[in-house]
Amino acid sequence: GINAEYGAMDIALEKDQNSVLFGEDVAFGGVFRCSLGLQDKYGTDRVFNTPLTEQGIVGFGIGVAAAGTTAIAEIQFADYIFPAFDQLVNEAAKYRYRSGN
């Protein structure tokens, strides 16, 4: 549940100084309060809000991950991931082949 999600994000941010958490309202705890207090604990550079665009959140996550940062992209509801499938299928899944790595 919510405690498990909070705990997982807290551990990831604590153990990996190169990790960032971002999504809609995560700085305020998110709609389910899964990230409540994490911005206070880890700072605004590592826990921050994004615009209301799932494609943008996923695309940003792919970009920062490609640059070497551990991306924790928070999508509020499972149904909202569908608009971001293009980013997942055509960008993230094919990045290795496109980059030659």
PDB file of N, CA and C in Angstrom:
ATOM      1  N   GLY A   1       0.792  -1.169   0.000  1.00  0.00           N
ATOM      2  CA  GLY A   1       0.000   0.000   0.000  1.00  0.00           C
ATOM      3  C   GLY A   1       0.853   1.258   0.000  1.00  0.00           C
ATOM      4  N   ILE A   2       0.274   2.284   0.537  1.00  0.00           N
ATOM      5  CA  ILE A   2       0.904   3.600   0.546  1.00  0.00           C
ATOM      6  C   ILE A   2       2.186   3.594   1.351  1.00  0.00           C
ATOM      7  N   ASN A   3       2.197   2.922   2.487  1.00  0.00           N
ATOM      8  CA  ASN A   3       3.414   2.873   3.303  1.00  0.00           C
ATOM      9  C   ASN A   3       4.556   2.190   2.571  1.00  0.00           C
ATOM     10  N   ALA A   4       4.250   1.149   1.806  1.00  0.00           N
ATOM     11  CA  ALA A   4       5.279   0.447   1.037  1.00  0.00           C
ATOM     12  C   ALA A   4       5.838   1.353  -0.058  1.00  0.00           C
ATOM     13  N   GLU A   5       4.959   2.090  -0.729  1.00  0.00           N
ATOM     14  CA  GLU A   5       5.418   3.011  -1.779  1.00  0.00           C
ATOM     15  C   GLU A   5       6.291   4.107  -1.189  1.00  0.00           C
ATOM     16  N   TYR A   6       5.834   4.703  -0.085  1.00  0.00           N
ATOM     17  CA  TYR A   6       6.620   5.741   0.574  1.00  0.00           C
ATOM     18  C   TYR A   6       7.982   5.184   0.992  1.00  0.00           C
ATOM     19  N   GLY A   7       7.972   4.018   1.617  1.00  0.00           N
ATOM     20  CA  GLY A   7       9.211   3.405   2.079  1.00  0.00           C
ATOM     21  C   GLY A   7      10.180   3.120   0.949  1.00  0.00           C
ATOM     22  N   ALA A   8       9.670   2.620  -0.163  1.00  0.00           N
ATOM     23  CA  ALA A   8      10.530   2.312  -1.314  1.00  0.00           C
ATOM     24  C   ALA A   8      11.150   3.585  -1.878  1.00  0.00           C
ATOM     25  N   MET A   9      10.360   4.637  -2.021  1.00  0.00           N
ATOM     26  CA  MET A   9      10.899   5.893  -2.555  1.00  0.00           C
ATOM     27  C   MET A   9      11.881   6.524  -1.581  1.00  0.00           C
ATOM     28  N   ASP A  10      11.582   6.463  -0.304  1.00  0.00           N
ATOM     29  CA  ASP A  10      12.475   7.001   0.725  1.00  0.00           C
ATOM     30  C   ASP A  10      13.813   6.269   0.706  1.00  0.00           C
ATOM     31  N   ILE A  11      13.786   4.958   0.640  1.00  0.00           N
ATOM     32  CA  ILE A  11      15.022   4.165   0.595  1.00  0.00           C
ATOM     33  C   ILE A  11      15.822   4.486  -0.662  1.00  0.00           C
ATOM     34  N   ALA A  12      15.139   4.553  -1.802  1.00  0.00           N
ATOM     35  CA  ALA A  12      15.840   4.847  -3.058  1.00  0.00           C
ATOM     36  C   ALA A  12      16.512   6.214  -3.007  1.00  0.00           C
ATOM     37  N   LEU A  13      15.806   7.220  -2.512  1.00  0.00           N
ATOM     38  CA  LEU A  13      16.372   8.559  -2.424  1.00  0.00           C
ATOM     39  C   LEU A  13      17.512   8.628  -1.410  1.00  0.00           C
ATOM     40  N   GLU A  14      17.389   7.879  -0.325  1.00  0.00           N
ATOM     41  CA  GLU A  14      18.437   7.878   0.708  1.00  0.00           C
ATOM     42  C   GLU A  14      19.697   7.167   0.226  1.00  0.00           C
ATOM     43  N   LYS A  15      19.532   6.011  -0.397  1.00  0.00           N
ATOM     44  CA  LYS A  15      20.678   5.181  -0.792  1.00  0.00           C
ATOM     45  C   LYS A  15      21.362   5.678  -2.061  1.00  0.00           C
ATOM     46  N   ASP A  16      20.607   6.293  -2.961  1.00  0.00           N
ATOM     47  CA  ASP A  16      21.142   6.724  -4.253  1.00  0.00           C
ATOM     48  C   ASP A  16      21.067   8.247  -4.342  1.00  0.00           C
ATOM     49  N   GLN A  17      22.174   8.905  -4.101  1.00  0.00           N
ATOM     50  CA  GLN A  17      22.215  10.369  -4.139  1.00  0.00           C
ATOM     51  C   GLN A  17      21.968  10.922  -5.541  1.00  0.00           C
ATOM     52  N   ASN A  18      21.979  10.046  -6.523  1.00  0.00           N
ATOM     53  CA  ASN A  18      21.767  10.445  -7.911  1.00  0.00           C
ATOM     54  C   ASN A  18      20.326  10.194  -8.359  1.00  0.00           C
ATOM     55  N   SER A  19      19.437   9.930  -7.427  1.00  0.00           N
ATOM     56  CA  SER A  19      18.039   9.657  -7.775  1.00  0.00           C
ATOM     57  C   SER A  19      17.184  10.908  -7.614  1.00  0.00           C
ATOM     58  N   VAL A  20      16.147  10.993  -8.437  1.00  0.00           N
ATOM     59  CA  VAL A  20      15.188  12.089  -8.364  1.00  0.00           C
ATOM     60  C   VAL A  20      13.775  11.520  -8.438  1.00  0.00           C
ATOM     61  N   LEU A  21      12.861  12.158  -7.733  1.00  0.00           N
ATOM     62  CA  LEU A  21      11.441  11.786  -7.729  1.00  0.00           C
ATOM     63  C   LEU A  21      10.653  12.950  -8.302  1.00  0.00           C
ATOM     64  N   PHE A  22       9.828  12.671  -9.293  1.00  0.00           N
ATOM     65  CA  PHE A  22       9.060  13.739  -9.916  1.00  0.00           C
ATOM     66  C   PHE A  22       7.718  13.206 -10.387  1.00  0.00           C
ATOM     67  N   GLY A  23       6.754  14.095 -10.482  1.00  0.00           N
ATOM     68  CA  GLY A  23       5.413  13.744 -10.920  1.00  0.00           C
ATOM     69  C   GLY A  23       4.435  14.827 -10.521  1.00  0.00           C
ATOM     70  N   GLU A  24       3.177  14.582 -10.780  1.00  0.00           N
ATOM     71  CA  GLU A  24       2.133  15.561 -10.479  1.00  0.00           C
ATOM     72  C   GLU A  24       1.898  15.621  -8.970  1.00  0.00           C
ATOM     73  N   ASP A  25       2.189  16.746  -8.368  1.00  0.00           N
ATOM     74  CA  ASP A  25       1.930  17.016  -6.944  1.00  0.00           C
ATOM     75  C   ASP A  25       2.796  16.216  -5.969  1.00  0.00           C
ATOM     76  N   VAL A  26       3.897  15.621  -6.401  1.00  0.00           N
ATOM     77  CA  VAL A  26       4.720  14.844  -5.468  1.00  0.00           C
ATOM     78  C   VAL A  26       5.342  15.723  -4.391  1.00  0.00           C
ATOM     79  N   ALA A  27       5.597  16.991  -4.695  1.00  0.00           N
ATOM     80  CA  ALA A  27       6.172  17.889  -3.687  1.00  0.00           C
ATOM     81  C   ALA A  27       5.209  18.099  -2.516  1.00  0.00           C
ATOM     82  N   PHE A  28       3.918  17.925  -2.783  1.00  0.00           N
ATOM     83  CA  PHE A  28       2.897  18.096  -1.751  1.00  0.00           C
ATOM     84  C   PHE A  28       2.469  16.768  -1.139  1.00  0.00           C
ATOM     85  N   GLY A  29       3.082  15.685  -1.559  1.00  0.00           N
ATOM     86  CA  GLY A  29       2.724  14.372  -1.047  1.00  0.00           C
ATOM     87  C   GLY A  29       1.955  13.518  -2.040  1.00  0.00           C
ATOM     88  N   GLY A  30       1.508  14.113  -3.126  1.00  0.00           N
ATOM     89  CA  GLY A  30       0.744  13.371  -4.120  1.00  0.00           C
ATOM     90  C   GLY A  30      -0.690  13.168  -3.683  1.00  0.00           C
ATOM     91  N   VAL A  31      -1.522  12.756  -4.600  1.00  0.00           N
ATOM     92  CA  VAL A  31      -2.944  12.607  -4.329  1.00  0.00           C
ATOM     93  C   VAL A  31      -3.201  11.544  -3.248  1.00  0.00           C
ATOM     94  N   PHE A  32      -2.332  10.545  -3.150  1.00  0.00           N
ATOM     95  CA  PHE A  32      -2.488   9.500  -2.137  1.00  0.00           C
ATOM     96  C   PHE A  32      -1.526   9.667  -0.966  1.00  0.00           C
ATOM     97  N   ARG A  33      -0.812  10.780  -0.939  1.00  0.00           N
ATOM     98  CA  ARG A  33       0.144  11.102   0.134  1.00  0.00           C
ATOM     99  C   ARG A  33       1.313  10.123   0.202  1.00  0.00           C
ATOM    100  N   CYS A  34       1.664   9.530  -0.931  1.00  0.00           N
ATOM    101  CA  CYS A  34       2.758   8.557  -0.988  1.00  0.00           C
ATOM    102  C   CYS A  34       4.131   9.190  -0.832  1.00  0.00           C
ATOM    103  N   SER A  35       4.233  10.485  -1.136  1.00  0.00           N
ATOM    104  CA  SER A  35       5.536  11.145  -1.076  1.00  0.00           C
ATOM    105  C   SER A  35       5.558  12.274  -0.054  1.00  0.00           C
ATOM    106  N   LEU A  36       4.623  12.252   0.875  1.00  0.00           N
ATOM    107  CA  LEU A  36       4.506  13.299   1.883  1.00  0.00           C
ATOM    108  C   LEU A  36       5.796  13.429   2.691  1.00  0.00           C
ATOM    109  N   GLY A  37       6.369  14.624   2.695  1.00  0.00           N
ATOM    110  CA  GLY A  37       7.575  14.902   3.472  1.00  0.00           C
ATOM    111  C   GLY A  37       8.884  14.607   2.763  1.00  0.00           C
ATOM    112  N   LEU A  38       8.836  13.964   1.602  1.00  0.00           N
ATOM    113  CA  LEU A  38      10.086  13.611   0.916  1.00  0.00           C
ATOM    114  C   LEU A  38      10.803  14.839   0.363  1.00  0.00           C
ATOM    115  N   GLN A  39      10.056  15.855  -0.081  1.00  0.00           N
ATOM    116  CA  GLN A  39      10.720  17.062  -0.568  1.00  0.00           C
ATOM    117  C   GLN A  39      11.416  17.780   0.587  1.00  0.00           C
ATOM    118  N   ASP A  40      10.789  17.822   1.751  1.00  0.00           N
ATOM    119  CA  ASP A  40      11.431  18.429   2.925  1.00  0.00           C
ATOM    120  C   ASP A  40      12.702  17.677   3.295  1.00  0.00           C
ATOM    121  N   LYS A  41      12.680  16.376   3.156  1.00  0.00           N
ATOM    122  CA  LYS A  41      13.812  15.535   3.553  1.00  0.00           C
ATOM    123  C   LYS A  41      14.959  15.568   2.536  1.00  0.00           C
ATOM    124  N   TYR A  42      14.634  15.602   1.231  1.00  0.00           N
ATOM    125  CA  TYR A  42      15.673  15.476   0.199  1.00  0.00           C
ATOM    126  C   TYR A  42      15.873  16.721  -0.654  1.00  0.00           C
ATOM    127  N   GLY A  43      15.018  17.712  -0.507  1.00  0.00           N
ATOM    128  CA  GLY A  43      15.206  18.981  -1.211  1.00  0.00           C
ATOM    129  C   GLY A  43      14.458  19.095  -2.516  1.00  0.00           C
ATOM    130  N   THR A  44      14.349  20.343  -2.960  1.00  0.00           N
ATOM    131  CA  THR A  44      13.582  20.647  -4.172  1.00  0.00           C
ATOM    132  C   THR A  44      14.299  20.238  -5.453  1.00  0.00           C
ATOM    133  N   ASP A  45      15.590  20.003  -5.392  1.00  0.00           N
ATOM    134  CA  ASP A  45      16.314  19.557  -6.581  1.00  0.00           C
ATOM    135  C   ASP A  45      16.085  18.074  -6.863  1.00  0.00           C
ATOM    136  N   ARG A  46      15.658  17.328  -5.839  1.00  0.00           N
ATOM    137  CA  ARG A  46      15.508  15.876  -6.003  1.00  0.00           C
ATOM    138  C   ARG A  46      14.065  15.408  -5.948  1.00  0.00           C
ATOM    139  N   VAL A  47      13.160  16.199  -5.407  1.00  0.00           N
ATOM    140  CA  VAL A  47      11.733  15.851  -5.338  1.00  0.00           C
ATOM    141  C   VAL A  47      10.951  17.077  -5.803  1.00  0.00           C
ATOM    142  N   PHE A  48      10.301  16.967  -6.963  1.00  0.00           N
ATOM    143  CA  PHE A  48       9.664  18.154  -7.524  1.00  0.00           C
ATOM    144  C   PHE A  48       8.447  17.793  -8.375  1.00  0.00           C
ATOM    145  N   ASN A  49       7.573  18.781  -8.516  1.00  0.00           N
ATOM    146  CA  ASN A  49       6.353  18.635  -9.305  1.00  0.00           C
ATOM    147  C   ASN A  49       6.651  18.784 -10.789  1.00  0.00           C
ATOM    148  N   THR A  50       5.793  18.188 -11.589  1.00  0.00           N
ATOM    149  CA  THR A  50       5.866  18.332 -13.041  1.00  0.00           C
ATOM    150  C   THR A  50       4.539  18.884 -13.541  1.00  0.00           C
ATOM    151  N   PRO A  51       4.495  19.319 -14.783  1.00  0.00           N
ATOM    152  CA  PRO A  51       3.203  19.682 -15.377  1.00  0.00           C
ATOM    153  C   PRO A  51       2.297  18.450 -15.486  1.00  0.00           C
ATOM    154  N   LEU A  52       1.035  18.695 -15.729  1.00  0.00           N
ATOM    155  CA  LEU A  52       0.056  17.616 -15.860  1.00  0.00           C
ATOM    156  C   LEU A  52       0.136  17.003 -17.255  1.00  0.00           C
ATOM    157  N   THR A  53       1.142  16.189 -17.469  1.00  0.00           N
ATOM    158  CA  THR A  53       1.311  15.522 -18.757  1.00  0.00           C
ATOM    159  C   THR A  53       2.074  14.225 -18.554  1.00  0.00           C
ATOM    160  N   GLU A  54       1.371  13.134 -18.648  1.00  0.00           N
ATOM    161  CA  GLU A  54       2.000  11.833 -18.440  1.00  0.00           C
ATOM    162  C   GLU A  54       3.082  11.561 -19.481  1.00  0.00           C
ATOM    163  N   GLN A  55       2.840  11.981 -20.727  1.00  0.00           N
ATOM    164  CA  GLN A  55       3.863  11.813 -21.760  1.00  0.00           C
ATOM    165  C   GLN A  55       5.129  12.568 -21.375  1.00  0.00           C
ATOM    166  N   GLY A  56       4.964  13.751 -20.841  1.00  0.00           N
ATOM    167  CA  GLY A  56       6.105  14.560 -20.422  1.00  0.00           C
ATOM    168  C   GLY A  56       6.844  13.958 -19.242  1.00  0.00           C
ATOM    169  N   ILE A  57       6.109  13.423 -18.290  1.00  0.00           N
ATOM    170  CA  ILE A  57       6.733  12.802 -17.120  1.00  0.00           C
ATOM    171  C   ILE A  57       7.573  11.606 -17.544  1.00  0.00           C
ATOM    172  N   VAL A  58       7.004  10.743 -18.364  1.00  0.00           N
ATOM    173  CA  VAL A  58       7.720   9.556 -18.820  1.00  0.00           C
ATOM    174  C   VAL A  58       8.886   9.954 -19.722  1.00  0.00           C
ATOM    175  N   GLY A  59       8.662  10.897 -20.620  1.00  0.00           N
ATOM    176  CA  GLY A  59       9.739  11.360 -21.492  1.00  0.00           C
ATOM    177  C   GLY A  59      10.883  11.975 -20.712  1.00  0.00           C
ATOM    178  N   PHE A  60      10.566  12.774 -19.708  1.00  0.00           N
ATOM    179  CA  PHE A  60      11.596  13.367 -18.850  1.00  0.00           C
ATOM    180  C   PHE A  60      12.356  12.274 -18.113  1.00  0.00           C
ATOM    181  N   GLY A  61      11.624  11.278 -17.613  1.00  0.00           N
ATOM    182  CA  GLY A  61      12.266  10.160 -16.918  1.00  0.00           C
ATOM    183  C   GLY A  61      13.247   9.421 -17.805  1.00  0.00           C
ATOM    184  N   ILE A  62      12.871   9.211 -19.051  1.00  0.00           N
ATOM    185  CA  ILE A  62      13.762   8.548 -20.003  1.00  0.00           C
ATOM    186  C   ILE A  62      15.010   9.401 -20.220  1.00  0.00           C
ATOM    187  N   GLY A  63      14.809  10.694 -20.370  1.00  0.00           N
ATOM    188  CA  GLY A  63      15.932  11.597 -20.603  1.00  0.00           C
ATOM    189  C   GLY A  63      16.909  11.660 -19.455  1.00  0.00           C
ATOM    190  N   VAL A  64      16.404  11.811 -18.222  1.00  0.00           N
ATOM    191  CA  VAL A  64      17.335  11.894 -17.090  1.00  0.00           C
ATOM    192  C   VAL A  64      18.006  10.547 -16.835  1.00  0.00           C
ATOM    193  N   ALA A  65      17.286   9.447 -17.106  1.00  0.00           N
ATOM    194  CA  ALA A  65      17.901   8.125 -16.955  1.00  0.00           C
ATOM    195  C   ALA A  65      19.012   7.934 -17.990  1.00  0.00           C
ATOM    196  N   ALA A  66      18.781   8.394 -19.212  1.00  0.00           N
ATOM    197  CA  ALA A  66      19.806   8.292 -20.257  1.00  0.00           C
ATOM    198  C   ALA A  66      21.038   9.109 -19.900  1.00  0.00           C
ATOM    199  N   ALA A  67      20.842  10.162 -19.120  1.00  0.00           N
ATOM    200  CA  ALA A  67      21.957  11.006 -18.693  1.00  0.00           C
ATOM    201  C   ALA A  67      22.636  10.478 -17.432  1.00  0.00           C
ATOM    202  N   GLY A  68      22.144   9.364 -16.890  1.00  0.00           N
ATOM    203  CA  GLY A  68      22.799   8.735 -15.748  1.00  0.00           C
ATOM    204  C   GLY A  68      22.140   8.932 -14.405  1.00  0.00           C
ATOM    205  N   THR A  69      20.994   9.583 -14.353  1.00  0.00           N
ATOM    206  CA  THR A  69      20.271   9.795 -13.105  1.00  0.00           C
ATOM    207  C   THR A  69      19.259   8.674 -12.906  1.00  0.00           C
ATOM    208  N   THR A  70      19.034   8.280 -11.666  1.00  0.00           N
ATOM    209  CA  THR A  70      17.996   7.305 -11.359  1.00  0.00           C
ATOM    210  C   THR A  70      16.667   8.044 -11.293  1.00  0.00           C
ATOM    211  N   ALA A  71      15.770   7.740 -12.209  1.00  0.00           N
ATOM    212  CA  ALA A  71      14.495   8.439 -12.316  1.00  0.00           C
ATOM    213  C   ALA A  71      13.398   7.663 -11.600  1.00  0.00           C
ATOM    214  N   ILE A  72      12.680   8.341 -10.715  1.00  0.00           N
ATOM    215  CA  ILE A  72      11.487   7.783 -10.086  1.00  0.00           C
ATOM    216  C   ILE A  72      10.326   8.640 -10.579  1.00  0.00           C
ATOM    217  N   ALA A  73       9.662   8.184 -11.616  1.00  0.00           N
ATOM    218  CA  ALA A  73       8.568   8.925 -12.228  1.00  0.00           C
ATOM    219  C   ALA A  73       7.254   8.443 -11.629  1.00  0.00           C
ATOM    220  N   GLU A  74       6.534   9.332 -10.984  1.00  0.00           N
ATOM    221  CA  GLU A  74       5.293   8.969 -10.309  1.00  0.00           C
ATOM    222  C   GLU A  74       4.101   9.328 -11.188  1.00  0.00           C
ATOM    223  N   ILE A  75       3.329   8.314 -11.550  1.00  0.00           N
ATOM    224  CA  ILE A  75       2.083   8.509 -12.295  1.00  0.00           C
ATOM    225  C   ILE A  75       0.951   8.222 -11.312  1.00  0.00           C
ATOM    226  N   GLN A  76       0.056   9.182 -11.120  1.00  0.00           N
ATOM    227  CA  GLN A  76      -0.939   9.090 -10.052  1.00  0.00           C
ATOM    228  C   GLN A  76      -1.872   7.893 -10.164  1.00  0.00           C
ATOM    229  N   PHE A  77      -2.388   7.633 -11.340  1.00  0.00           N
ATOM    230  CA  PHE A  77      -3.356   6.559 -11.517  1.00  0.00           C
ATOM    231  C   PHE A  77      -2.906   5.657 -12.662  1.00  0.00           C
ATOM    232  N   ALA A  78      -3.123   4.358 -12.528  1.00  0.00           N
ATOM    233  CA  ALA A  78      -2.692   3.404 -13.557  1.00  0.00           C
ATOM    234  C   ALA A  78      -3.294   3.736 -14.919  1.00  0.00           C
ATOM    235  N   ASP A  79      -4.533   4.184 -14.944  1.00  0.00           N
ATOM    236  CA  ASP A  79      -5.183   4.513 -16.215  1.00  0.00           C
ATOM    237  C   ASP A  79      -4.497   5.657 -16.945  1.00  0.00           C
ATOM    238  N   TYR A  80      -3.746   6.478 -16.232  1.00  0.00           N
ATOM    239  CA  TYR A  80      -3.111   7.638 -16.853  1.00  0.00           C
ATOM    240  C   TYR A  80      -1.819   7.283 -17.586  1.00  0.00           C
ATOM    241  N   ILE A  81      -1.359   6.060 -17.473  1.00  0.00           N
ATOM    242  CA  ILE A  81      -0.129   5.674 -18.154  1.00  0.00           C
ATOM    243  C   ILE A  81      -0.354   5.467 -19.654  1.00  0.00           C
ATOM    244  N   PHE A  82      -1.587   5.210 -20.059  1.00  0.00           N
ATOM    245  CA  PHE A  82      -1.855   4.919 -21.472  1.00  0.00           C
ATOM    246  C   PHE A  82      -1.367   6.007 -22.429  1.00  0.00           C
ATOM    247  N   PRO A  83      -1.571   7.293 -22.143  1.00  0.00           N
ATOM    248  CA  PRO A  83      -1.046   8.313 -23.063  1.00  0.00           C
ATOM    249  C   PRO A  83       0.485   8.302 -23.169  1.00  0.00           C
ATOM    250  N   ALA A  84       1.153   7.723 -22.203  1.00  0.00           N
ATOM    251  CA  ALA A  84       2.615   7.694 -22.199  1.00  0.00           C
ATOM    252  C   ALA A  84       3.190   6.436 -22.847  1.00  0.00           C
ATOM    253  N   PHE A  85       2.337   5.547 -23.334  1.00  0.00           N
ATOM    254  CA  PHE A  85       2.841   4.312 -23.949  1.00  0.00           C
ATOM    255  C   PHE A  85       3.761   4.581 -25.137  1.00  0.00           C
ATOM    256  N   ASP A  86       3.505   5.643 -25.877  1.00  0.00           N
ATOM    257  CA  ASP A  86       4.390   5.968 -26.996  1.00  0.00           C
ATOM    258  C   ASP A  86       5.819   6.185 -26.483  1.00  0.00           C
ATOM    259  N   GLN A  87       5.962   6.905 -25.392  1.00  0.00           N
ATOM    260  CA  GLN A  87       7.285   7.140 -24.812  1.00  0.00           C
ATOM    261  C   GLN A  87       7.926   5.829 -24.355  1.00  0.00           C
ATOM    262  N   LEU A  88       7.137   4.981 -23.728  1.00  0.00           N
ATOM    263  CA  LEU A  88       7.668   3.715 -23.225  1.00  0.00           C
ATOM    264  C   LEU A  88       8.063   2.768 -24.351  1.00  0.00           C
ATOM    265  N   VAL A  89       7.176   2.621 -25.342  1.00  0.00           N
ATOM    266  CA  VAL A  89       7.384   1.642 -26.411  1.00  0.00           C
ATOM    267  C   VAL A  89       8.373   2.137 -27.464  1.00  0.00           C
ATOM    268  N   ASN A  90       8.254   3.395 -27.847  1.00  0.00           N
ATOM    269  CA  ASN A  90       9.065   3.889 -28.955  1.00  0.00           C
ATOM    270  C   ASN A  90      10.335   4.616 -28.530  1.00  0.00           C
ATOM    271  N   GLU A  91      10.445   5.002 -27.296  1.00  0.00           N
ATOM    272  CA  GLU A  91      11.651   5.689 -26.837  1.00  0.00           C
ATOM    273  C   GLU A  91      12.437   4.821 -25.857  1.00  0.00           C
ATOM    274  N   ALA A  92      11.865   4.544 -24.707  1.00  0.00           N
ATOM    275  CA  ALA A  92      12.599   3.798 -23.670  1.00  0.00           C
ATOM    276  C   ALA A  92      13.006   2.410 -24.141  1.00  0.00           C
ATOM    277  N   ALA A  93      12.080   1.678 -24.730  1.00  0.00           N
ATOM    278  CA  ALA A  93      12.353   0.296 -25.111  1.00  0.00           C
ATOM    279  C   ALA A  93      13.378   0.190 -26.238  1.00  0.00           C
ATOM    280  N   LYS A  94      13.500   1.217 -27.042  1.00  0.00           N
ATOM    281  CA  LYS A  94      14.398   1.169 -28.194  1.00  0.00           C
ATOM    282  C   LYS A  94      15.664   1.992 -28.001  1.00  0.00           C
ATOM    283  N   TYR A  95      15.812   2.607 -26.836  1.00  0.00           N
ATOM    284  CA  TYR A  95      16.949   3.499 -26.605  1.00  0.00           C
ATOM    285  C   TYR A  95      18.290   2.791 -26.803  1.00  0.00           C
ATOM    286  N   ARG A  96      18.405   1.601 -26.311  1.00  0.00           N
ATOM    287  CA  ARG A  96      19.663   0.842 -26.430  1.00  0.00           C
ATOM    288  C   ARG A  96      20.074   0.665 -27.896  1.00  0.00           C
ATOM    289  N   TYR A  97      19.114   0.340 -28.732  1.00  0.00           N
ATOM    290  CA  TYR A  97      19.409   0.103 -30.147  1.00  0.00           C
ATOM    291  C   TYR A  97      19.685   1.399 -30.898  1.00  0.00           C
ATOM    292  N   ARG A  98      19.003   2.456 -30.498  1.00  0.00           N
ATOM    293  CA  ARG A  98      19.220   3.754 -31.138  1.00  0.00           C
ATOM    294  C   ARG A  98      20.551   4.372 -30.742  1.00  0.00           C
ATOM    295  N   SER A  99      20.979   4.124 -29.508  1.00  0.00           N
ATOM    296  CA  SER A  99      22.211   4.759 -29.021  1.00  0.00           C
ATOM    297  C   SER A  99      23.466   3.966 -29.371  1.00  0.00           C
ATOM    298  N   GLY A 100      23.304   2.692 -29.700  1.00  0.00           N
ATOM    299  CA  GLY A 100      24.456   1.864 -30.005  1.00  0.00           C
ATOM    300  C   GLY A 100      25.153   1.303 -28.781  1.00  0.00           C
ATOM    301  N   ASN A 101      24.559   1.489 -27.622  1.00  0.00           N
ATOM    302  CA  ASN A 101      25.155   0.979 -26.370  1.00  0.00           C
ATOM    303  C   ASN A 101      24.684  -0.433 -26.086  1.00  0.00           C
TER     304      ASN A 101
END
